[in-house]
Amino acid sequence: MNFPLMLNNDWLSLFLVVVGPFMGSFISASALAWPSGINFRISRSRCTHCDRLLGVVDLVPLVSFLVLKGKCRTCHNPIERQHIIAEVTSTLIALASVFIFDGWVMLASALFGAVLLYIALVDFRTRLIPDIASFTLIASGPAVLYLVYAKDGLSTALIGAVVGYGIFWLVAFAYRHIRGREGLGMGDAKLLAGGGAWLGPLALPWIILLASTGALVILLLTGNGNLRKDTELPFGPALAVAIYALWLWSGSRGTGLVLL
């Protein structure tokens, strides 16, 4: 797929593939440090079990986990599985962006996936979605679509963001008044607004359908027969996966980025 503002594909592709695992490691550490982020900013990496300072051999993305067999060299306790999951996922995001897109959109796609990965990891652990991450998507989506489609892209992105937020706001409002308690967080609404800002309003029903189906399947597989009407499930990871899957699919069609 060809886009304006082309960059050198070969060097950019190589850069993204090489950086992918390291970006995953950074995202994982950032997600574990949220919301304070203090330890992440001012200290070196340490084993969460024995508090040993980690050296180079412990910190090479993908390789260290395999060489150390997923355990600390000192205390032999398991390394946080989130790290390897994030590193593999970030690598796949980079590879998908390289194979589907060209030039600066390739880079934008990889960064888009990185922000969604960060949101998914934080929400899975804390049941909260950082506003700064969602607002980054809401702001960057219109910029990307404007650069590709000019004014039509900008209007499409803005409508997608407004409609995306409005859909979940209405659902949350109705649920709160019918059931008397919160059922859907506004973090999910902001994330859907970010998806609408990148993919346009026509993608929103598909995002919701894919995310709901995926969340339900995971809930059924992991519920162990203890599903209740008040069972909680972080919806952010399912939304993030659905948004990025549709982004890649729309780009792979060769007809544009916006789902039409």
C-alpha atoms as a PDB file:
ATOM      1  CA  MET A   1       0.000   0.000   0.000  1.00  0.00           C
ATOM      2  CA  ASN A   2       1.430   3.374  -0.979  1.00  0.00           C
ATOM      3  CA  PHE A   3       1.011   6.506   1.123  1.00  0.00           C
ATOM      4  CA  PRO A   4       2.275  10.088   0.917  1.00  0.00           C
ATOM      5  CA  LEU A   5       5.332  11.130   2.947  1.00  0.00           C
ATOM      6  CA  MET A   6       7.141   7.886   2.144  1.00  0.00           C
ATOM      7  CA  LEU A   7      10.184   6.837   4.143  1.00  0.00           C
ATOM      8  CA  ASN A   8      12.845   4.293   3.216  1.00  0.00           C
ATOM      9  CA  ASN A   9      11.014   1.014   3.696  1.00  0.00           C
ATOM     10  CA  ASP A  10      14.057  -1.253   3.986  1.00  0.00           C
ATOM     11  CA  TRP A  11      15.798   0.621   6.796  1.00  0.00           C
ATOM     12  CA  LEU A  12      12.570   1.400   8.619  1.00  0.00           C
ATOM     13  CA  SER A  13      11.446  -2.226   8.386  1.00  0.00           C
ATOM     14  CA  LEU A  14      14.753  -3.443   9.803  1.00  0.00           C
ATOM     15  CA  PHE A  15      14.595  -0.858  12.576  1.00  0.00           C
ATOM     16  CA  LEU A  16      11.074  -1.849  13.630  1.00  0.00           C
ATOM     17  CA  VAL A  17      11.812  -5.579  13.647  1.00  0.00           C
ATOM     18  CA  VAL A  18      14.984  -5.106  15.717  1.00  0.00           C
ATOM     19  CA  VAL A  19      13.373  -2.644  18.133  1.00  0.00           C
ATOM     20  CA  GLY A  20      10.134  -4.631  18.500  1.00  0.00           C
ATOM     21  CA  PRO A  21      11.255  -6.948  21.353  1.00  0.00           C
ATOM     22  CA  PHE A  22      12.941  -4.089  23.223  1.00  0.00           C
ATOM     23  CA  MET A  23       9.798  -1.984  22.896  1.00  0.00           C
ATOM     24  CA  GLY A  24       7.820  -4.872  24.370  1.00  0.00           C
ATOM     25  CA  SER A  25      10.184  -5.038  27.343  1.00  0.00           C
ATOM     26  CA  PHE A  26       9.834  -1.296  27.905  1.00  0.00           C
ATOM     27  CA  ILE A  27       6.038  -1.453  27.631  1.00  0.00           C
ATOM     28  CA  SER A  28       5.862  -4.331  30.100  1.00  0.00           C
ATOM     29  CA  ALA A  29       8.016  -2.525  32.674  1.00  0.00           C
ATOM     30  CA  SER A  30       5.996   0.670  32.215  1.00  0.00           C
ATOM     31  CA  ALA A  31       2.708  -1.189  32.605  1.00  0.00           C
ATOM     32  CA  LEU A  32       3.876  -2.889  35.810  1.00  0.00           C
ATOM     33  CA  ALA A  33       5.028   0.456  37.219  1.00  0.00           C
ATOM     34  CA  TRP A  34       1.726   2.226  36.526  1.00  0.00           C
ATOM     35  CA  PRO A  35       0.209   4.298  38.118  1.00  0.00           C
ATOM     36  CA  SER A  36       3.125   5.591  40.218  1.00  0.00           C
ATOM     37  CA  GLY A  37       5.965   4.820  37.816  1.00  0.00           C
ATOM     38  CA  ILE A  38       8.433   5.969  40.501  1.00  0.00           C
ATOM     39  CA  ASN A  39      10.485   2.776  40.731  1.00  0.00           C
ATOM     40  CA  PHE A  40      10.566   2.440  36.965  1.00  0.00           C
ATOM     41  CA  ARG A  41      11.927   5.960  36.458  1.00  0.00           C
ATOM     42  CA  ILE A  42      14.593   6.186  39.149  1.00  0.00           C
ATOM     43  CA  SER A  43      15.956   2.687  39.659  1.00  0.00           C
ATOM     44  CA  ARG A  44      17.574  -0.124  37.739  1.00  0.00           C
ATOM     45  CA  SER A  45      15.705  -3.332  37.071  1.00  0.00           C
ATOM     46  CA  ARG A  46      15.649  -5.829  39.933  1.00  0.00           C
ATOM     47  CA  CYS A  47      14.285  -9.307  40.503  1.00  0.00           C
ATOM     48  CA  THR A  48      10.876  -8.944  42.132  1.00  0.00           C
ATOM     49  CA  HIS A  49      11.621 -11.936  44.389  1.00  0.00           C
ATOM     50  CA  CYS A  50      15.245 -11.606  45.607  1.00  0.00           C
ATOM     51  CA  ASP A  51      15.767  -7.898  44.748  1.00  0.00           C
ATOM     52  CA  ARG A  52      19.017  -8.609  42.862  1.00  0.00           C
ATOM     53  CA  LEU A  53      20.076  -5.996  40.346  1.00  0.00           C
ATOM     54  CA  LEU A  54      19.634  -7.458  36.872  1.00  0.00           C
ATOM     55  CA  GLY A  55      22.557  -7.489  34.473  1.00  0.00           C
ATOM     56  CA  VAL A  56      22.752  -7.493  30.694  1.00  0.00           C
ATOM     57  CA  VAL A  57      22.350 -11.267  30.499  1.00  0.00           C
ATOM     58  CA  ASP A  58      19.011 -10.940  32.317  1.00  0.00           C
ATOM     59  CA  LEU A  59      17.608  -8.147  30.180  1.00  0.00           C
ATOM     60  CA  VAL A  60      17.964  -9.171  26.532  1.00  0.00           C
ATOM     61  CA  PRO A  61      14.368  -9.391  25.247  1.00  0.00           C
ATOM     62  CA  LEU A  62      13.201 -12.901  24.287  1.00  0.00           C
ATOM     63  CA  VAL A  63      16.708 -14.368  24.517  1.00  0.00           C
ATOM     64  CA  SER A  64      17.162 -13.937  28.277  1.00  0.00           C
ATOM     65  CA  PHE A  65      13.844 -15.576  29.063  1.00  0.00           C
ATOM     66  CA  LEU A  66      14.717 -18.597  26.933  1.00  0.00           C
ATOM     67  CA  VAL A  67      18.299 -18.917  28.162  1.00  0.00           C
ATOM     68  CA  LEU A  68      17.263 -18.593  31.816  1.00  0.00           C
ATOM     69  CA  LYS A  69      14.279 -20.901  31.239  1.00  0.00           C
ATOM     70  CA  GLY A  70      11.947 -18.287  32.641  1.00  0.00           C
ATOM     71  CA  LYS A  71      13.628 -18.169  36.069  1.00  0.00           C
ATOM     72  CA  CYS A  72      15.861 -15.775  38.010  1.00  0.00           C
ATOM     73  CA  ARG A  73      19.541 -16.778  37.922  1.00  0.00           C
ATOM     74  CA  THR A  74      19.880 -16.217  41.670  1.00  0.00           C
ATOM     75  CA  CYS A  75      16.695 -17.285  43.426  1.00  0.00           C
ATOM     76  CA  HIS A  76      15.276 -19.436  40.599  1.00  0.00           C
ATOM     77  CA  ASN A  77      11.796 -18.003  41.084  1.00  0.00           C
ATOM     78  CA  PRO A  78       9.710 -17.589  37.909  1.00  0.00           C
ATOM     79  CA  ILE A  79      10.182 -14.376  35.922  1.00  0.00           C
ATOM     80  CA  GLU A  80       6.980 -12.372  35.503  1.00  0.00           C
ATOM     81  CA  ARG A  81       5.273 -13.970  32.483  1.00  0.00           C
ATOM     82  CA  GLN A  82       3.979 -10.588  31.372  1.00  0.00           C
ATOM     83  CA  HIS A  83       7.463  -9.682  30.140  1.00  0.00           C
ATOM     84  CA  ILE A  84       7.752 -12.494  27.600  1.00  0.00           C
ATOM     85  CA  ILE A  85       4.134 -12.013  26.528  1.00  0.00           C
ATOM     86  CA  ALA A  86       4.755  -8.310  25.906  1.00  0.00           C
ATOM     87  CA  GLU A  87       8.028  -8.936  24.061  1.00  0.00           C
ATOM     88  CA  VAL A  88       6.497 -11.542  21.757  1.00  0.00           C
ATOM     89  CA  THR A  89       3.398  -9.426  21.133  1.00  0.00           C
ATOM     90  CA  SER A  90       5.422  -6.306  20.402  1.00  0.00           C
ATOM     91  CA  THR A  91       7.563  -8.271  17.947  1.00  0.00           C
ATOM     92  CA  LEU A  92       4.435  -9.529  16.175  1.00  0.00           C
ATOM     93  CA  ILE A  93       3.075  -5.967  16.043  1.00  0.00           C
ATOM     94  CA  ALA A  94       6.288  -4.800  14.383  1.00  0.00           C
ATOM     95  CA  LEU A  95       6.271  -7.673  11.886  1.00  0.00           C
ATOM     96  CA  ALA A  96       2.599  -7.121  10.999  1.00  0.00           C
ATOM     97  CA  SER A  97       3.220  -3.399  10.467  1.00  0.00           C
ATOM     98  CA  VAL A  98       6.207  -4.139   8.234  1.00  0.00           C
ATOM     99  CA  PHE A  99       4.343  -6.660   6.067  1.00  0.00           C
ATOM    100  CA  ILE A 100       1.137  -4.648   5.668  1.00  0.00           C
ATOM    101  CA  PHE A 101       2.137  -0.972   5.539  1.00  0.00           C
ATOM    102  CA  ASP A 102       4.723   1.255   3.907  1.00  0.00           C
ATOM    103  CA  GLY A 103       6.718   4.296   4.943  1.00  0.00           C
ATOM    104  CA  TRP A 104       5.594   6.464   7.834  1.00  0.00           C
ATOM    105  CA  VAL A 105       2.276   4.593   8.170  1.00  0.00           C
ATOM    106  CA  MET A 106       4.332   1.487   8.989  1.00  0.00           C
ATOM    107  CA  LEU A 107       5.874   3.384  11.893  1.00  0.00           C
ATOM    108  CA  ALA A 108       2.493   4.814  12.940  1.00  0.00           C
ATOM    109  CA  SER A 109       1.015   1.306  12.914  1.00  0.00           C
ATOM    110  CA  ALA A 110       3.747  -0.040  15.178  1.00  0.00           C
ATOM    111  CA  LEU A 111       3.321   2.832  17.640  1.00  0.00           C
ATOM    112  CA  PHE A 112      -0.459   2.395  17.540  1.00  0.00           C
ATOM    113  CA  GLY A 113      -0.031  -1.256  18.462  1.00  0.00           C
ATOM    114  CA  ALA A 114       2.444  -0.372  21.219  1.00  0.00           C
ATOM    115  CA  VAL A 115      -0.017   1.989  22.910  1.00  0.00           C
ATOM    116  CA  LEU A 116      -2.795  -0.608  22.669  1.00  0.00           C
ATOM    117  CA  LEU A 117      -0.489  -3.247  24.173  1.00  0.00           C
ATOM    118  CA  TYR A 118       0.312  -0.928  27.065  1.00  0.00           C
ATOM    119  CA  ILE A 119      -3.396  -0.292  27.655  1.00  0.00           C
ATOM    120  CA  ALA A 120      -4.181  -4.016  27.588  1.00  0.00           C
ATOM    121  CA  LEU A 121      -1.459  -4.887  30.104  1.00  0.00           C
ATOM    122  CA  VAL A 122      -2.388  -2.122  32.534  1.00  0.00           C
ATOM    123  CA  ASP A 123      -6.112  -2.839  32.358  1.00  0.00           C
ATOM    124  CA  PHE A 124      -5.599  -6.567  32.838  1.00  0.00           C
ATOM    125  CA  ARG A 125      -3.639  -5.931  36.044  1.00  0.00           C
ATOM    126  CA  THR A 126      -5.486  -2.952  37.524  1.00  0.00           C
ATOM    127  CA  ARG A 127      -8.924  -2.861  35.844  1.00  0.00           C
ATOM    128  CA  LEU A 128      -8.080   0.721  34.869  1.00  0.00           C
ATOM    129  CA  ILE A 129      -7.056   2.333  31.579  1.00  0.00           C
ATOM    130  CA  PRO A 130      -4.578   5.254  31.757  1.00  0.00           C
ATOM    131  CA  ASP A 131      -6.201   8.407  30.383  1.00  0.00           C
ATOM    132  CA  ILE A 132      -2.928   9.555  28.824  1.00  0.00           C
ATOM    133  CA  ALA A 133      -2.816   6.424  26.648  1.00  0.00           C
ATOM    134  CA  SER A 134      -6.415   6.783  25.466  1.00  0.00           C
ATOM    135  CA  PHE A 135      -6.007  10.504  24.805  1.00  0.00           C
ATOM    136  CA  THR A 136      -2.864   9.731  22.793  1.00  0.00           C
ATOM    137  CA  LEU A 137      -4.958   7.516  20.497  1.00  0.00           C
ATOM    138  CA  ILE A 138      -7.771  10.056  20.266  1.00  0.00           C
ATOM    139  CA  ALA A 139      -5.316  12.805  19.295  1.00  0.00           C
ATOM    140  CA  SER A 140      -3.097  10.797  16.935  1.00  0.00           C
ATOM    141  CA  GLY A 141      -5.890   9.094  14.965  1.00  0.00           C
ATOM    142  CA  PRO A 142      -7.178  12.314  13.361  1.00  0.00           C
ATOM    143  CA  ALA A 143      -3.603  13.368  12.578  1.00  0.00           C
ATOM    144  CA  VAL A 144      -2.863  10.090  10.779  1.00  0.00           C
ATOM    145  CA  LEU A 145      -6.107  10.067   8.804  1.00  0.00           C
ATOM    146  CA  TYR A 146      -5.663  13.735   7.882  1.00  0.00           C
ATOM    147  CA  LEU A 147      -2.199  13.031   6.459  1.00  0.00           C
ATOM    148  CA  VAL A 148      -3.631  10.175   4.391  1.00  0.00           C
ATOM    149  CA  TYR A 149      -7.057  11.486   3.362  1.00  0.00           C
ATOM    150  CA  ALA A 150      -6.848  15.248   4.054  1.00  0.00           C
ATOM    151  CA  LYS A 151     -10.066  16.889   5.323  1.00  0.00           C
ATOM    152  CA  ASP A 152     -12.193  13.797   4.688  1.00  0.00           C
ATOM    153  CA  GLY A 153      -9.912  11.752   6.906  1.00  0.00           C
ATOM    154  CA  LEU A 154      -9.979  14.347   9.656  1.00  0.00           C
ATOM    155  CA  SER A 155     -13.780  14.535   9.717  1.00  0.00           C
ATOM    156  CA  THR A 156     -14.046  10.736   9.659  1.00  0.00           C
ATOM    157  CA  ALA A 157     -11.666  10.430  12.610  1.00  0.00           C
ATOM    158  CA  LEU A 158     -13.441  13.074  14.664  1.00  0.00           C
ATOM    159  CA  ILE A 159     -16.855  11.517  14.044  1.00  0.00           C
ATOM    160  CA  GLY A 160     -15.460   8.097  14.947  1.00  0.00           C
ATOM    161  CA  ALA A 161     -14.041   9.399  18.222  1.00  0.00           C
ATOM    162  CA  VAL A 162     -17.244  11.167  19.248  1.00  0.00           C
ATOM    163  CA  VAL A 163     -19.516   8.266  18.292  1.00  0.00           C
ATOM    164  CA  GLY A 164     -17.185   5.730  19.941  1.00  0.00           C
ATOM    165  CA  TYR A 165     -17.253   7.555  23.239  1.00  0.00           C
ATOM    166  CA  GLY A 166     -20.975   8.239  22.978  1.00  0.00           C
ATOM    167  CA  ILE A 167     -21.897   4.580  22.445  1.00  0.00           C
ATOM    168  CA  PHE A 168     -20.199   3.372  25.622  1.00  0.00           C
ATOM    169  CA  TRP A 169     -21.296   6.426  27.615  1.00  0.00           C
ATOM    170  CA  LEU A 170     -24.925   5.637  26.811  1.00  0.00           C
ATOM    171  CA  VAL A 171     -24.463   1.959  27.693  1.00  0.00           C
ATOM    172  CA  ALA A 172     -22.789   2.846  31.000  1.00  0.00           C
ATOM    173  CA  PHE A 173     -25.473   5.439  31.789  1.00  0.00           C
ATOM    174  CA  ALA A 174     -28.298   2.993  31.094  1.00  0.00           C
ATOM    175  CA  TYR A 175     -26.656   0.174  33.068  1.00  0.00           C
ATOM    176  CA  ARG A 176     -26.028   2.418  36.066  1.00  0.00           C
ATOM    177  CA  HIS A 177     -29.650   3.570  36.202  1.00  0.00           C
ATOM    178  CA  ILE A 178     -31.146   0.128  35.589  1.00  0.00           C
ATOM    179  CA  ARG A 179     -28.873  -1.920  37.833  1.00  0.00           C
ATOM    180  CA  GLY A 180     -27.880   0.753  40.345  1.00  0.00           C
ATOM    181  CA  ARG A 181     -24.129   0.125  39.991  1.00  0.00           C
ATOM    182  CA  GLU A 182     -21.278   0.664  37.581  1.00  0.00           C
ATOM    183  CA  GLY A 183     -21.005  -1.912  34.820  1.00  0.00           C
ATOM    184  CA  LEU A 184     -18.763  -0.288  32.230  1.00  0.00           C
ATOM    185  CA  GLY A 185     -15.943   2.103  33.007  1.00  0.00           C
ATOM    186  CA  MET A 186     -15.374   5.360  31.167  1.00  0.00           C
ATOM    187  CA  GLY A 187     -11.873   4.118  30.432  1.00  0.00           C
ATOM    188  CA  ASP A 188     -13.437   1.659  27.985  1.00  0.00           C
ATOM    189  CA  ALA A 189     -15.411   4.518  26.419  1.00  0.00           C
ATOM    190  CA  LYS A 190     -12.241   6.548  25.901  1.00  0.00           C
ATOM    191  CA  LEU A 191     -10.475   3.525  24.413  1.00  0.00           C
ATOM    192  CA  LEU A 192     -13.340   2.949  21.970  1.00  0.00           C
ATOM    193  CA  ALA A 193     -13.140   6.646  21.091  1.00  0.00           C
ATOM    194  CA  GLY A 194      -9.473   6.066  20.260  1.00  0.00           C
ATOM    195  CA  GLY A 195     -10.418   3.127  18.054  1.00  0.00           C
ATOM    196  CA  GLY A 196     -13.014   5.254  16.286  1.00  0.00           C
ATOM    197  CA  ALA A 197     -10.458   8.019  15.789  1.00  0.00           C
ATOM    198  CA  TRP A 198      -8.138   5.611  13.957  1.00  0.00           C
ATOM    199  CA  LEU A 199     -10.672   3.504  12.053  1.00  0.00           C
ATOM    200  CA  GLY A 200     -13.725   5.695  11.609  1.00  0.00           C
ATOM    201  CA  PRO A 201     -17.332   5.287  12.825  1.00  0.00           C
ATOM    202  CA  LEU A 202     -18.232   2.351  10.582  1.00  0.00           C
ATOM    203  CA  ALA A 203     -15.641   0.195  12.329  1.00  0.00           C
ATOM    204  CA  LEU A 204     -17.202   0.668  15.763  1.00  0.00           C
ATOM    205  CA  PRO A 205     -19.876  -2.074  15.534  1.00  0.00           C
ATOM    206  CA  TRP A 206     -17.223  -4.554  14.406  1.00  0.00           C
ATOM    207  CA  ILE A 207     -14.882  -3.531  17.220  1.00  0.00           C
ATOM    208  CA  ILE A 208     -17.631  -4.050  19.803  1.00  0.00           C
ATOM    209  CA  LEU A 209     -18.705  -7.369  18.266  1.00  0.00           C
ATOM    210  CA  LEU A 210     -15.170  -8.786  18.134  1.00  0.00           C
ATOM    211  CA  ALA A 211     -14.271  -7.536  21.608  1.00  0.00           C
ATOM    212  CA  SER A 212     -17.486  -8.826  23.190  1.00  0.00           C
ATOM    213  CA  THR A 213     -17.130 -12.220  21.541  1.00  0.00           C
ATOM    214  CA  GLY A 214     -13.497 -12.519  22.550  1.00  0.00           C
ATOM    215  CA  ALA A 215     -14.173 -11.472  26.140  1.00  0.00           C
ATOM    216  CA  LEU A 216     -17.063 -13.924  26.428  1.00  0.00           C
ATOM    217  CA  VAL A 217     -14.978 -16.813  25.098  1.00  0.00           C
ATOM    218  CA  ILE A 218     -12.148 -16.030  27.543  1.00  0.00           C
ATOM    219  CA  LEU A 219     -14.630 -15.754  30.406  1.00  0.00           C
ATOM    220  CA  LEU A 220     -16.174 -19.127  29.558  1.00  0.00           C
ATOM    221  CA  LEU A 221     -12.774 -20.789  29.228  1.00  0.00           C
ATOM    222  CA  THR A 222     -11.377 -19.381  32.472  1.00  0.00           C
ATOM    223  CA  GLY A 223     -14.500 -19.148  34.605  1.00  0.00           C
ATOM    224  CA  ASN A 224     -14.176 -22.676  36.021  1.00  0.00           C
ATOM    225  CA  GLY A 225     -17.946 -22.913  36.331  1.00  0.00           C
ATOM    226  CA  ASN A 226     -18.102 -19.986  38.758  1.00  0.00           C
ATOM    227  CA  LEU A 227     -19.624 -17.403  36.438  1.00  0.00           C
ATOM    228  CA  ARG A 228     -22.047 -15.030  38.147  1.00  0.00           C
ATOM    229  CA  LYS A 229     -23.909 -11.918  37.104  1.00  0.00           C
ATOM    230  CA  ASP A 230     -21.375  -9.818  39.029  1.00  0.00           C
ATOM    231  CA  THR A 231     -18.279 -11.538  37.587  1.00  0.00           C
ATOM    232  CA  GLU A 232     -15.779  -8.883  36.523  1.00  0.00           C
ATOM    233  CA  LEU A 233     -13.634  -9.039  33.401  1.00  0.00           C
ATOM    234  CA  PRO A 234     -11.282  -6.315  32.157  1.00  0.00           C
ATOM    235  CA  PHE A 235     -12.761  -5.331  28.794  1.00  0.00           C
ATOM    236  CA  GLY A 236      -9.813  -3.161  27.752  1.00  0.00           C
ATOM    237  CA  PRO A 237      -7.588  -6.022  26.497  1.00  0.00           C
ATOM    238  CA  ALA A 238     -10.420  -7.400  24.351  1.00  0.00           C
ATOM    239  CA  LEU A 239     -11.111  -3.937  22.931  1.00  0.00           C
ATOM    240  CA  ALA A 240      -7.408  -3.355  22.234  1.00  0.00           C
ATOM    241  CA  VAL A 241      -7.068  -6.657  20.357  1.00  0.00           C
ATOM    242  CA  ALA A 242     -10.247  -6.011  18.350  1.00  0.00           C
ATOM    243  CA  ILE A 243      -9.175  -2.484  17.412  1.00  0.00           C
ATOM    244  CA  TYR A 244      -5.720  -3.523  16.235  1.00  0.00           C
ATOM    245  CA  ALA A 245      -6.991  -6.616  14.416  1.00  0.00           C
ATOM    246  CA  LEU A 246      -9.407  -4.441  12.419  1.00  0.00           C
ATOM    247  CA  TRP A 247      -6.663  -1.870  11.792  1.00  0.00           C
ATOM    248  CA  LEU A 248      -4.420  -4.543  10.291  1.00  0.00           C
ATOM    249  CA  TRP A 249      -7.282  -6.057   8.309  1.00  0.00           C
ATOM    250  CA  SER A 250      -8.329  -2.700   6.872  1.00  0.00           C
ATOM    251  CA  GLY A 251      -4.736  -1.982   5.855  1.00  0.00           C
ATOM    252  CA  SER A 252      -4.266  -5.418   4.293  1.00  0.00           C
ATOM    253  CA  ARG A 253      -7.217  -4.938   1.948  1.00  0.00           C
ATOM    254  CA  GLY A 254      -5.225  -2.416  -0.069  1.00  0.00           C
ATOM    255  CA  THR A 255      -8.158   0.012  -0.278  1.00  0.00           C
ATOM    256  CA  GLY A 256      -7.336   2.280   2.674  1.00  0.00           C
ATOM    257  CA  LEU A 257      -7.048   2.539   6.410  1.00  0.00           C
ATOM    258  CA  VAL A 258     -10.633   3.411   7.272  1.00  0.00           C
ATOM    259  CA  LEU A 259     -13.061   0.520   7.514  1.00  0.00           C
ATOM    260  CA  LEU A 260     -15.690   1.080   4.834  1.00  0.00           C
END
